[in-house]
Amino acid sequence: MNRHTQLINERYDALMFAKSPEAARRAARELIRVVLGDEAAGRPLEQAMRDCCRQLRPSQDPKEQGRFEAEFIELAIWPNSTSQKVAA
Protein backbone atom coordinates (compact mmCIF):
# COMPACT_ATOMS: atom_id res chain seq x y z
CA MET A 1 0.00 0.00 0.00
CA ASN A 2 1.43 3.38 -0.92
CA ARG A 3 1.67 6.27 1.53
CA HIS A 4 -1.22 8.23 -0.02
CA THR A 5 -3.59 5.26 0.28
CA GLN A 6 -2.45 4.70 3.84
CA LEU A 7 -3.19 8.35 4.73
CA ILE A 8 -6.64 8.10 3.16
CA ASN A 9 -7.39 4.91 5.10
CA GLU A 10 -6.20 6.47 8.37
CA ARG A 11 -8.31 9.59 7.86
CA TYR A 12 -11.35 7.54 6.83
CA ASP A 13 -11.01 5.36 9.94
CA ALA A 14 -10.76 8.47 12.11
CA LEU A 15 -13.98 9.73 10.52
CA MET A 16 -15.78 6.40 10.93
CA PHE A 17 -14.85 6.04 14.60
CA ALA A 18 -15.04 9.67 15.74
CA LYS A 19 -16.28 10.01 19.31
CA SER A 20 -17.64 13.54 19.01
CA PRO A 21 -19.05 15.89 16.39
CA GLU A 22 -15.89 17.99 16.61
CA ALA A 23 -13.68 14.94 16.03
CA ALA A 24 -15.86 13.91 13.08
CA ARG A 25 -15.60 17.34 11.46
CA ARG A 26 -11.86 17.46 12.05
CA ALA A 27 -11.41 13.98 10.54
CA ALA A 28 -13.62 14.95 7.59
CA ARG A 29 -11.52 18.06 6.92
CA GLU A 30 -8.33 15.99 7.09
CA LEU A 31 -9.78 13.40 4.70
CA ILE A 32 -10.83 16.16 2.30
CA ARG A 33 -7.33 17.66 2.41
CA VAL A 34 -5.68 14.30 1.65
CA VAL A 35 -8.10 13.37 -1.15
CA LEU A 36 -8.81 16.74 -2.79
CA GLY A 37 -5.80 18.82 -1.75
CA ASP A 38 -5.19 21.86 0.41
CA GLU A 39 -7.28 24.18 -1.77
CA ALA A 40 -10.41 22.16 -0.91
CA ALA A 41 -10.04 22.92 2.80
CA GLY A 42 -11.76 26.29 2.42
CA ARG A 43 -14.84 24.89 0.67
CA PRO A 44 -18.12 24.16 2.46
CA LEU A 45 -17.88 20.83 4.29
CA GLU A 46 -20.92 19.25 2.64
CA GLN A 47 -19.81 19.98 -0.92
CA ALA A 48 -16.23 18.97 -0.23
CA MET A 49 -17.45 15.67 1.25
CA ARG A 50 -19.54 15.03 -1.87
CA ASP A 51 -16.50 15.60 -4.07
CA CYS A 52 -14.37 13.43 -1.81
CA CYS A 53 -16.93 10.62 -2.03
CA ARG A 54 -16.96 10.87 -5.83
CA GLN A 55 -13.21 10.28 -5.77
CA LEU A 56 -13.20 7.46 -3.23
CA ARG A 57 -16.43 5.68 -4.03
CA PRO A 58 -17.64 6.49 -7.54
CA SER A 59 -20.76 4.84 -8.93
CA GLN A 60 -22.31 4.73 -12.38
CA ASP A 61 -25.78 4.69 -10.83
CA PRO A 62 -26.87 8.23 -9.82
CA LYS A 63 -29.17 6.93 -7.05
CA GLU A 64 -26.40 4.84 -5.57
CA GLN A 65 -23.95 7.75 -5.84
CA GLY A 66 -26.39 10.00 -4.01
CA ARG A 67 -26.72 7.44 -1.24
CA PHE A 68 -22.94 7.10 -0.93
CA GLU A 69 -22.55 10.88 -0.74
CA ALA A 70 -25.28 11.17 1.89
CA GLU A 71 -23.51 8.56 4.01
CA PHE A 72 -20.20 10.44 3.78
CA ILE A 73 -21.87 13.70 4.74
CA GLU A 74 -23.70 12.08 7.64
CA LEU A 75 -20.41 10.81 9.04
CA ALA A 76 -18.94 14.31 8.91
CA ILE A 77 -21.80 16.30 10.42
CA TRP A 78 -23.23 14.07 13.15
CA PRO A 79 -25.15 14.39 15.31
CA ASN A 80 -27.70 15.70 12.90
CA SER A 81 -29.43 18.15 15.25
CA THR A 82 -32.74 17.06 16.78
CA SER A 83 -32.92 13.41 15.72
CA GLN A 84 -29.66 12.54 17.48
CA LYS A 85 -30.40 14.68 20.55
CA VAL A 86 -33.75 12.98 21.05
CA ALA A 87 -32.11 9.55 20.86
CA ALA A 88 -29.52 10.50 23.48
PDB file of N, CA and C in Angstrom:
ATOM      1  N   MET A   1       0.856  -1.177   0.000  1.00  0.00           N
ATOM      2  CA  MET A   1       0.000   0.000   0.000  1.00  0.00           C
ATOM      3  C   MET A   1       0.900   1.237   0.000  1.00  0.00           C
ATOM      4  N   ASN A   2       0.607   2.179  -0.889  1.00  0.00           N
ATOM      5  CA  ASN A   2       1.429   3.376  -0.921  1.00  0.00           C
ATOM      6  C   ASN A   2       1.027   4.357   0.189  1.00  0.00           C
ATOM      7  N   ARG A   3       1.857   5.329   0.418  1.00  0.00           N
ATOM      8  CA  ARG A   3       1.666   6.271   1.534  1.00  0.00           C
ATOM      9  C   ARG A   3       0.357   7.059   1.399  1.00  0.00           C
ATOM     10  N   HIS A   4       0.008   7.460   0.199  1.00  0.00           N
ATOM     11  CA  HIS A   4      -1.220   8.234  -0.017  1.00  0.00           C
ATOM     12  C   HIS A   4      -2.444   7.400   0.363  1.00  0.00           C
ATOM     13  N   THR A   5      -2.475   6.158  -0.065  1.00  0.00           N
ATOM     14  CA  THR A   5      -3.586   5.263   0.275  1.00  0.00           C
ATOM     15  C   THR A   5      -3.646   5.035   1.777  1.00  0.00           C
ATOM     16  N   GLN A   6      -2.497   4.891   2.397  1.00  0.00           N
ATOM     17  CA  GLN A   6      -2.447   4.704   3.841  1.00  0.00           C
ATOM     18  C   GLN A   6      -3.014   5.930   4.563  1.00  0.00           C
ATOM     19  N   LEU A   7      -2.663   7.123   4.118  1.00  0.00           N
ATOM     20  CA  LEU A   7      -3.192   8.353   4.727  1.00  0.00           C
ATOM     21  C   LEU A   7      -4.704   8.429   4.571  1.00  0.00           C
ATOM     22  N   ILE A   8      -5.196   8.085   3.392  1.00  0.00           N
ATOM     23  CA  ILE A   8      -6.644   8.098   3.163  1.00  0.00           C
ATOM     24  C   ILE A   8      -7.328   7.122   4.110  1.00  0.00           C
ATOM     25  N   ASN A   9      -6.789   5.918   4.216  1.00  0.00           N
ATOM     26  CA  ASN A   9      -7.386   4.911   5.099  1.00  0.00           C
ATOM     27  C   ASN A   9      -7.371   5.362   6.558  1.00  0.00           C
ATOM     28  N   GLU A  10      -6.285   5.979   6.997  1.00  0.00           N
ATOM     29  CA  GLU A  10      -6.200   6.467   8.373  1.00  0.00           C
ATOM     30  C   GLU A  10      -7.229   7.559   8.632  1.00  0.00           C
ATOM     31  N   ARG A  11      -7.359   8.489   7.697  1.00  0.00           N
ATOM     32  CA  ARG A  11      -8.313   9.591   7.865  1.00  0.00           C
ATOM     33  C   ARG A  11      -9.749   9.080   7.818  1.00  0.00           C
ATOM     34  N   TYR A  12     -10.011   8.118   6.928  1.00  0.00           N
ATOM     35  CA  TYR A  12     -11.349   7.544   6.828  1.00  0.00           C
ATOM     36  C   TYR A  12     -11.702   6.804   8.126  1.00  0.00           C
ATOM     37  N   ASP A  13     -10.770   6.050   8.665  1.00  0.00           N
ATOM     38  CA  ASP A  13     -11.008   5.357   9.939  1.00  0.00           C
ATOM     39  C   ASP A  13     -11.285   6.355  11.057  1.00  0.00           C
ATOM     40  N   ALA A  14     -10.539   7.437  11.083  1.00  0.00           N
ATOM     41  CA  ALA A  14     -10.763   8.469  12.105  1.00  0.00           C
ATOM     42  C   ALA A  14     -12.168   9.050  11.973  1.00  0.00           C
ATOM     43  N   LEU A  15     -12.625   9.221  10.757  1.00  0.00           N
ATOM     44  CA  LEU A  15     -13.979   9.728  10.519  1.00  0.00           C
ATOM     45  C   LEU A  15     -15.023   8.707  10.960  1.00  0.00           C
ATOM     46  N   MET A  16     -14.818   7.453  10.596  1.00  0.00           N
ATOM     47  CA  MET A  16     -15.775   6.395  10.927  1.00  0.00           C
ATOM     48  C   MET A  16     -15.918   6.197  12.438  1.00  0.00           C
ATOM     49  N   PHE A  17     -14.833   6.350  13.176  1.00  0.00           N
ATOM     50  CA  PHE A  17     -14.846   6.037  14.602  1.00  0.00           C
ATOM     51  C   PHE A  17     -14.739   7.275  15.494  1.00  0.00           C
ATOM     52  N   ALA A  18     -15.088   8.429  14.962  1.00  0.00           N
ATOM     53  CA  ALA A  18     -15.040   9.667  15.742  1.00  0.00           C
ATOM     54  C   ALA A  18     -15.978   9.569  16.941  1.00  0.00           C
ATOM     55  N   LYS A  19     -15.523  10.089  18.060  1.00  0.00           N
ATOM     56  CA  LYS A  19     -16.280  10.008  19.308  1.00  0.00           C
ATOM     57  C   LYS A  19     -17.088  11.268  19.614  1.00  0.00           C
ATOM     58  N   SER A  20     -16.909  12.293  18.795  1.00  0.00           N
ATOM     59  CA  SER A  20     -17.642  13.539  19.012  1.00  0.00           C
ATOM     60  C   SER A  20     -17.863  14.226  17.671  1.00  0.00           C
ATOM     61  N   PRO A  21     -18.828  15.141  17.637  1.00  0.00           N
ATOM     62  CA  PRO A  21     -19.051  15.886  16.393  1.00  0.00           C
ATOM     63  C   PRO A  21     -17.812  16.667  15.965  1.00  0.00           C
ATOM     64  N   GLU A  22     -17.088  17.226  16.934  1.00  0.00           N
ATOM     65  CA  GLU A  22     -15.886  17.987  16.611  1.00  0.00           C
ATOM     66  C   GLU A  22     -14.826  17.083  15.997  1.00  0.00           C
ATOM     67  N   ALA A  23     -14.648  15.896  16.566  1.00  0.00           N
ATOM     68  CA  ALA A  23     -13.676  14.937  16.030  1.00  0.00           C
ATOM     69  C   ALA A  23     -14.082  14.489  14.636  1.00  0.00           C
ATOM     70  N   ALA A  24     -15.378  14.317  14.404  1.00  0.00           N
ATOM     71  CA  ALA A  24     -15.861  13.912  13.079  1.00  0.00           C
ATOM     72  C   ALA A  24     -15.578  14.997  12.042  1.00  0.00           C
ATOM     73  N   ARG A  25     -15.853  16.244  12.402  1.00  0.00           N
ATOM     74  CA  ARG A  25     -15.604  17.338  11.456  1.00  0.00           C
ATOM     75  C   ARG A  25     -14.113  17.502  11.177  1.00  0.00           C
ATOM     76  N   ARG A  26     -13.312  17.362  12.207  1.00  0.00           N
ATOM     77  CA  ARG A  26     -11.861  17.461  12.047  1.00  0.00           C
ATOM     78  C   ARG A  26     -11.346  16.335  11.136  1.00  0.00           C
ATOM     79  N   ALA A  27     -11.818  15.119  11.373  1.00  0.00           N
ATOM     80  CA  ALA A  27     -11.413  13.983  10.540  1.00  0.00           C
ATOM     81  C   ALA A  27     -11.893  14.162   9.100  1.00  0.00           C
ATOM     82  N   ALA A  28     -13.095  14.707   8.940  1.00  0.00           N
ATOM     83  CA  ALA A  28     -13.618  14.950   7.593  1.00  0.00           C
ATOM     84  C   ALA A  28     -12.746  15.961   6.861  1.00  0.00           C
ATOM     85  N   ARG A  29     -12.374  17.040   7.538  1.00  0.00           N
ATOM     86  CA  ARG A  29     -11.518  18.059   6.916  1.00  0.00           C
ATOM     87  C   ARG A  29     -10.154  17.482   6.537  1.00  0.00           C
ATOM     88  N   GLU A  30      -9.618  16.615   7.391  1.00  0.00           N
ATOM     89  CA  GLU A  30      -8.327  15.990   7.087  1.00  0.00           C
ATOM     90  C   GLU A  30      -8.445  15.045   5.896  1.00  0.00           C
ATOM     91  N   LEU A  31      -9.559  14.292   5.835  1.00  0.00           N
ATOM     92  CA  LEU A  31      -9.781  13.401   4.700  1.00  0.00           C
ATOM     93  C   LEU A  31      -9.922  14.204   3.412  1.00  0.00           C
ATOM     94  N   ILE A  32     -10.659  15.286   3.471  1.00  0.00           N
ATOM     95  CA  ILE A  32     -10.831  16.162   2.305  1.00  0.00           C
ATOM     96  C   ILE A  32      -9.477  16.679   1.831  1.00  0.00           C
ATOM     97  N   ARG A  33      -8.644  17.116   2.769  1.00  0.00           N
ATOM     98  CA  ARG A  33      -7.331  17.656   2.409  1.00  0.00           C
ATOM     99  C   ARG A  33      -6.471  16.605   1.727  1.00  0.00           C
ATOM    100  N   VAL A  34      -6.497  15.371   2.242  1.00  0.00           N
ATOM    101  CA  VAL A  34      -5.682  14.300   1.651  1.00  0.00           C
ATOM    102  C   VAL A  34      -6.199  13.921   0.265  1.00  0.00           C
ATOM    103  N   VAL A  35      -7.522  13.831   0.113  1.00  0.00           N
ATOM    104  CA  VAL A  35      -8.103  13.370  -1.153  1.00  0.00           C
ATOM    105  C   VAL A  35      -8.137  14.471  -2.202  1.00  0.00           C
ATOM    106  N   LEU A  36      -8.577  15.669  -1.816  1.00  0.00           N
ATOM    107  CA  LEU A  36      -8.808  16.741  -2.785  1.00  0.00           C
ATOM    108  C   LEU A  36      -7.707  17.797  -2.816  1.00  0.00           C
ATOM    109  N   GLY A  37      -6.875  17.833  -1.792  1.00  0.00           N
ATOM    110  CA  GLY A  37      -5.803  18.818  -1.750  1.00  0.00           C
ATOM    111  C   GLY A  37      -6.111  19.968  -0.815  1.00  0.00           C
ATOM    112  N   ASP A  38      -5.079  20.750  -0.536  1.00  0.00           N
ATOM    113  CA  ASP A  38      -5.194  21.859   0.415  1.00  0.00           C
ATOM    114  C   ASP A  38      -6.215  22.915  -0.004  1.00  0.00           C
ATOM    115  N   GLU A  39      -6.358  23.134  -1.310  1.00  0.00           N
ATOM    116  CA  GLU A  39      -7.283  24.178  -1.770  1.00  0.00           C
ATOM    117  C   GLU A  39      -8.738  23.842  -1.441  1.00  0.00           C
ATOM    118  N   ALA A  40      -9.048  22.566  -1.235  1.00  0.00           N
ATOM    119  CA  ALA A  40     -10.414  22.157  -0.913  1.00  0.00           C
ATOM    120  C   ALA A  40     -10.771  22.436   0.545  1.00  0.00           C
ATOM    121  N   ALA A  41      -9.798  22.708   1.367  1.00  0.00           N
ATOM    122  CA  ALA A  41     -10.039  22.924   2.796  1.00  0.00           C
ATOM    123  C   ALA A  41     -10.949  24.114   3.070  1.00  0.00           C
ATOM    124  N   GLY A  42     -10.946  25.101   2.209  1.00  0.00           N
ATOM    125  CA  GLY A  42     -11.763  26.286   2.417  1.00  0.00           C
ATOM    126  C   GLY A  42     -13.183  26.170   1.887  1.00  0.00           C
ATOM    127  N   ARG A  43     -13.499  25.068   1.242  1.00  0.00           N
ATOM    128  CA  ARG A  43     -14.840  24.890   0.669  1.00  0.00           C
ATOM    129  C   ARG A  43     -15.825  24.448   1.743  1.00  0.00           C
ATOM    130  N   PRO A  44     -17.115  24.639   1.506  1.00  0.00           N
ATOM    131  CA  PRO A  44     -18.121  24.158   2.463  1.00  0.00           C
ATOM    132  C   PRO A  44     -17.971  22.647   2.685  1.00  0.00           C
ATOM    133  N   LEU A  45     -18.117  22.219   3.923  1.00  0.00           N
ATOM    134  CA  LEU A  45     -17.883  20.827   4.289  1.00  0.00           C
ATOM    135  C   LEU A  45     -18.749  19.869   3.479  1.00  0.00           C
ATOM    136  N   GLU A  46     -20.018  20.165   3.338  1.00  0.00           N
ATOM    137  CA  GLU A  46     -20.918  19.245   2.636  1.00  0.00           C
ATOM    138  C   GLU A  46     -20.496  19.039   1.183  1.00  0.00           C
ATOM    139  N   GLN A  47     -20.205  20.112   0.481  1.00  0.00           N
ATOM    140  CA  GLN A  47     -19.806  19.978  -0.925  1.00  0.00           C
ATOM    141  C   GLN A  47     -18.457  19.280  -1.057  1.00  0.00           C
ATOM    142  N   ALA A  48     -17.537  19.608  -0.184  1.00  0.00           N
ATOM    143  CA  ALA A  48     -16.228  18.965  -0.234  1.00  0.00           C
ATOM    144  C   ALA A  48     -16.347  17.467   0.058  1.00  0.00           C
ATOM    145  N   MET A  49     -17.240  17.091   0.970  1.00  0.00           N
ATOM    146  CA  MET A  49     -17.446  15.667   1.251  1.00  0.00           C
ATOM    147  C   MET A  49     -18.071  14.959   0.056  1.00  0.00           C
ATOM    148  N   ARG A  50     -18.969  15.615  -0.644  1.00  0.00           N
ATOM    149  CA  ARG A  50     -19.537  15.026  -1.873  1.00  0.00           C
ATOM    150  C   ARG A  50     -18.436  14.756  -2.891  1.00  0.00           C
ATOM    151  N   ASP A  51     -17.586  15.747  -3.100  1.00  0.00           N
ATOM    152  CA  ASP A  51     -16.498  15.598  -4.065  1.00  0.00           C
ATOM    153  C   ASP A  51     -15.519  14.510  -3.636  1.00  0.00           C
ATOM    154  N   CYS A  52     -15.260  14.453  -2.363  1.00  0.00           N
ATOM    155  CA  CYS A  52     -14.374  13.429  -1.813  1.00  0.00           C
ATOM    156  C   CYS A  52     -14.972  12.043  -2.064  1.00  0.00           C
ATOM    157  N   CYS A  53     -16.247  11.893  -1.815  1.00  0.00           N
ATOM    158  CA  CYS A  53     -16.931  10.624  -2.034  1.00  0.00           C
ATOM    159  C   CYS A  53     -16.857  10.223  -3.505  1.00  0.00           C
ATOM    160  N   ARG A  54     -17.024  11.176  -4.394  1.00  0.00           N
ATOM    161  CA  ARG A  54     -16.957  10.868  -5.834  1.00  0.00           C
ATOM    162  C   ARG A  54     -15.588  10.342  -6.231  1.00  0.00           C
ATOM    163  N   GLN A  55     -14.555  10.768  -5.512  1.00  0.00           N
ATOM    164  CA  GLN A  55     -13.207  10.278  -5.772  1.00  0.00           C
ATOM    165  C   GLN A  55     -12.986   8.888  -5.173  1.00  0.00           C
ATOM    166  N   LEU A  56     -13.467   8.695  -3.943  1.00  0.00           N
ATOM    167  CA  LEU A  56     -13.196   7.457  -3.227  1.00  0.00           C
ATOM    168  C   LEU A  56     -14.173   6.330  -3.551  1.00  0.00           C
ATOM    169  N   ARG A  57     -15.400   6.686  -3.833  1.00  0.00           N
ATOM    170  CA  ARG A  57     -16.434   5.675  -4.035  1.00  0.00           C
ATOM    171  C   ARG A  57     -17.351   6.066  -5.185  1.00  0.00           C
ATOM    172  N   PRO A  58     -16.815   6.106  -6.394  1.00  0.00           N
ATOM    173  CA  PRO A  58     -17.638   6.492  -7.543  1.00  0.00           C
ATOM    174  C   PRO A  58     -18.634   5.388  -7.913  1.00  0.00           C
ATOM    175  N   SER A  59     -19.753   5.793  -8.480  1.00  0.00           N
ATOM    176  CA  SER A  59     -20.757   4.845  -8.932  1.00  0.00           C
ATOM    177  C   SER A  59     -21.348   5.330 -10.251  1.00  0.00           C
ATOM    178  N   GLN A  60     -21.665   4.393 -11.109  1.00  0.00           N
ATOM    179  CA  GLN A  60     -22.305   4.734 -12.378  1.00  0.00           C
ATOM    180  C   GLN A  60     -23.793   5.024 -12.198  1.00  0.00           C
ATOM    181  N   ASP A  61     -24.363   4.502 -11.120  1.00  0.00           N
ATOM    182  CA  ASP A  61     -25.783   4.686 -10.828  1.00  0.00           C
ATOM    183  C   ASP A  61     -25.974   5.960  -9.999  1.00  0.00           C
ATOM    184  N   PRO A  62     -26.684   6.959 -10.548  1.00  0.00           N
ATOM    185  CA  PRO A  62     -26.870   8.225  -9.820  1.00  0.00           C
ATOM    186  C   PRO A  62     -27.550   8.059  -8.455  1.00  0.00           C
ATOM    187  N   LYS A  63     -28.509   7.145  -8.351  1.00  0.00           N
ATOM    188  CA  LYS A  63     -29.172   6.930  -7.054  1.00  0.00           C
ATOM    189  C   LYS A  63     -28.177   6.392  -6.027  1.00  0.00           C
ATOM    190  N   GLU A  64     -27.397   5.427  -6.457  1.00  0.00           N
ATOM    191  CA  GLU A  64     -26.395   4.842  -5.570  1.00  0.00           C
ATOM    192  C   GLU A  64     -25.349   5.885  -5.184  1.00  0.00           C
ATOM    193  N   GLN A  65     -24.930   6.702  -6.132  1.00  0.00           N
ATOM    194  CA  GLN A  65     -23.952   7.746  -5.844  1.00  0.00           C
ATOM    195  C   GLN A  65     -24.507   8.726  -4.823  1.00  0.00           C
ATOM    196  N   GLY A  66     -25.755   9.101  -4.976  1.00  0.00           N
ATOM    197  CA  GLY A  66     -26.389  10.000  -4.013  1.00  0.00           C
ATOM    198  C   GLY A  66     -26.429   9.407  -2.619  1.00  0.00           C
ATOM    199  N   ARG A  67     -26.687   8.116  -2.529  1.00  0.00           N
ATOM    200  CA  ARG A  67     -26.716   7.439  -1.235  1.00  0.00           C
ATOM    201  C   ARG A  67     -25.322   7.412  -0.611  1.00  0.00           C
ATOM    202  N   PHE A  68     -24.318   7.104  -1.430  1.00  0.00           N
ATOM    203  CA  PHE A  68     -22.937   7.099  -0.932  1.00  0.00           C
ATOM    204  C   PHE A  68     -22.555   8.477  -0.392  1.00  0.00           C
ATOM    205  N   GLU A  69     -22.888   9.516  -1.154  1.00  0.00           N
ATOM    206  CA  GLU A  69     -22.547  10.876  -0.743  1.00  0.00           C
ATOM    207  C   GLU A  69     -23.260  11.250   0.550  1.00  0.00           C
ATOM    208  N   ALA A  70     -24.527  10.872   0.668  1.00  0.00           N
ATOM    209  CA  ALA A  70     -25.285  11.175   1.891  1.00  0.00           C
ATOM    210  C   ALA A  70     -24.648  10.489   3.104  1.00  0.00           C
ATOM    211  N   GLU A  71     -24.166   9.269   2.915  1.00  0.00           N
ATOM    212  CA  GLU A  71     -23.509   8.560   4.014  1.00  0.00           C
ATOM    213  C   GLU A  71     -22.221   9.265   4.437  1.00  0.00           C
ATOM    214  N   PHE A  72     -21.435   9.721   3.469  1.00  0.00           N
ATOM    215  CA  PHE A  72     -20.201  10.440   3.782  1.00  0.00           C
ATOM    216  C   PHE A  72     -20.518  11.714   4.557  1.00  0.00           C
ATOM    217  N   ILE A  73     -21.501  12.445   4.097  1.00  0.00           N
ATOM    218  CA  ILE A  73     -21.868  13.703   4.735  1.00  0.00           C
ATOM    219  C   ILE A  73     -22.373  13.452   6.146  1.00  0.00           C
ATOM    220  N   GLU A  74     -23.180  12.415   6.311  1.00  0.00           N
ATOM    221  CA  GLU A  74     -23.704  12.079   7.637  1.00  0.00           C
ATOM    222  C   GLU A  74     -22.578  11.781   8.618  1.00  0.00           C
ATOM    223  N   LEU A  75     -21.550  11.092   8.168  1.00  0.00           N
ATOM    224  CA  LEU A  75     -20.405  10.812   9.036  1.00  0.00           C
ATOM    225  C   LEU A  75     -19.738  12.105   9.500  1.00  0.00           C
ATOM    226  N   ALA A  76     -19.675  13.079   8.622  1.00  0.00           N
ATOM    227  CA  ALA A  76     -18.944  14.313   8.911  1.00  0.00           C
ATOM    228  C   ALA A  76     -19.714  15.298   9.770  1.00  0.00           C
ATOM    229  N   ILE A  77     -21.037  15.253   9.740  1.00  0.00           N
ATOM    230  CA  ILE A  77     -21.798  16.304  10.425  1.00  0.00           C
ATOM    231  C   ILE A  77     -22.707  15.775  11.530  1.00  0.00           C
ATOM    232  N   TRP A  78     -22.410  14.592  12.056  1.00  0.00           N
ATOM    233  CA  TRP A  78     -23.233  14.071  13.148  1.00  0.00           C
ATOM    234  C   TRP A  78     -22.942  14.827  14.433  1.00  0.00           C
ATOM    235  N   PRO A  79     -23.779  14.847  15.423  1.00  0.00           N
ATOM    236  CA  PRO A  79     -25.154  14.386  15.311  1.00  0.00           C
ATOM    237  C   PRO A  79     -25.965  15.383  14.519  1.00  0.00           C
ATOM    238  N   ASN A  80     -26.899  14.866  13.783  1.00  0.00           N
ATOM    239  CA  ASN A  80     -27.705  15.701  12.899  1.00  0.00           C
ATOM    240  C   ASN A  80     -28.837  16.333  13.693  1.00  0.00           C
ATOM    241  N   SER A  81     -28.520  17.323  14.443  1.00  0.00           N
ATOM    242  CA  SER A  81     -29.425  18.151  15.250  1.00  0.00           C
ATOM    243  C   SER A  81     -30.416  17.336  16.084  1.00  0.00           C
ATOM    244  N   THR A  82     -31.693  17.566  15.899  1.00  0.00           N
ATOM    245  CA  THR A  82     -32.736  17.063  16.779  1.00  0.00           C
ATOM    246  C   THR A  82     -32.817  15.547  16.838  1.00  0.00           C
ATOM    247  N   SER A  83     -32.721  14.862  15.716  1.00  0.00           N
ATOM    248  CA  SER A  83     -32.921  13.413  15.719  1.00  0.00           C
ATOM    249  C   SER A  83     -31.902  12.706  16.623  1.00  0.00           C
ATOM    250  N   GLN A  84     -30.675  13.157  16.629  1.00  0.00           N
ATOM    251  CA  GLN A  84     -29.664  12.540  17.481  1.00  0.00           C
ATOM    252  C   GLN A  84     -29.825  12.975  18.938  1.00  0.00           C
ATOM    253  N   LYS A  85     -30.236  14.201  19.175  1.00  0.00           N
ATOM    254  CA  LYS A  85     -30.399  14.684  20.546  1.00  0.00           C
ATOM    255  C   LYS A  85     -31.565  13.966  21.230  1.00  0.00           C
ATOM    256  N   VAL A  86     -32.609  13.686  20.491  1.00  0.00           N
ATOM    257  CA  VAL A  86     -33.755  12.983  21.055  1.00  0.00           C
ATOM    258  C   VAL A  86     -33.351  11.561  21.422  1.00  0.00           C
ATOM    259  N   ALA A  87     -32.540  10.932  20.604  1.00  0.00           N
ATOM    260  CA  ALA A  87     -32.112   9.551  20.857  1.00  0.00           C
ATOM    261  C   ALA A  87     -31.172   9.453  22.058  1.00  0.00           C
ATOM    262  N   ALA A  88     -30.515  10.532  22.389  1.00  0.00           N
ATOM    263  CA  ALA A  88     -29.525  10.497  23.475  1.00  0.00           C
ATOM    264  C   ALA A  88     -30.126  10.558  24.842  1.00  0.00           C
TER     265      ALA A  88
END
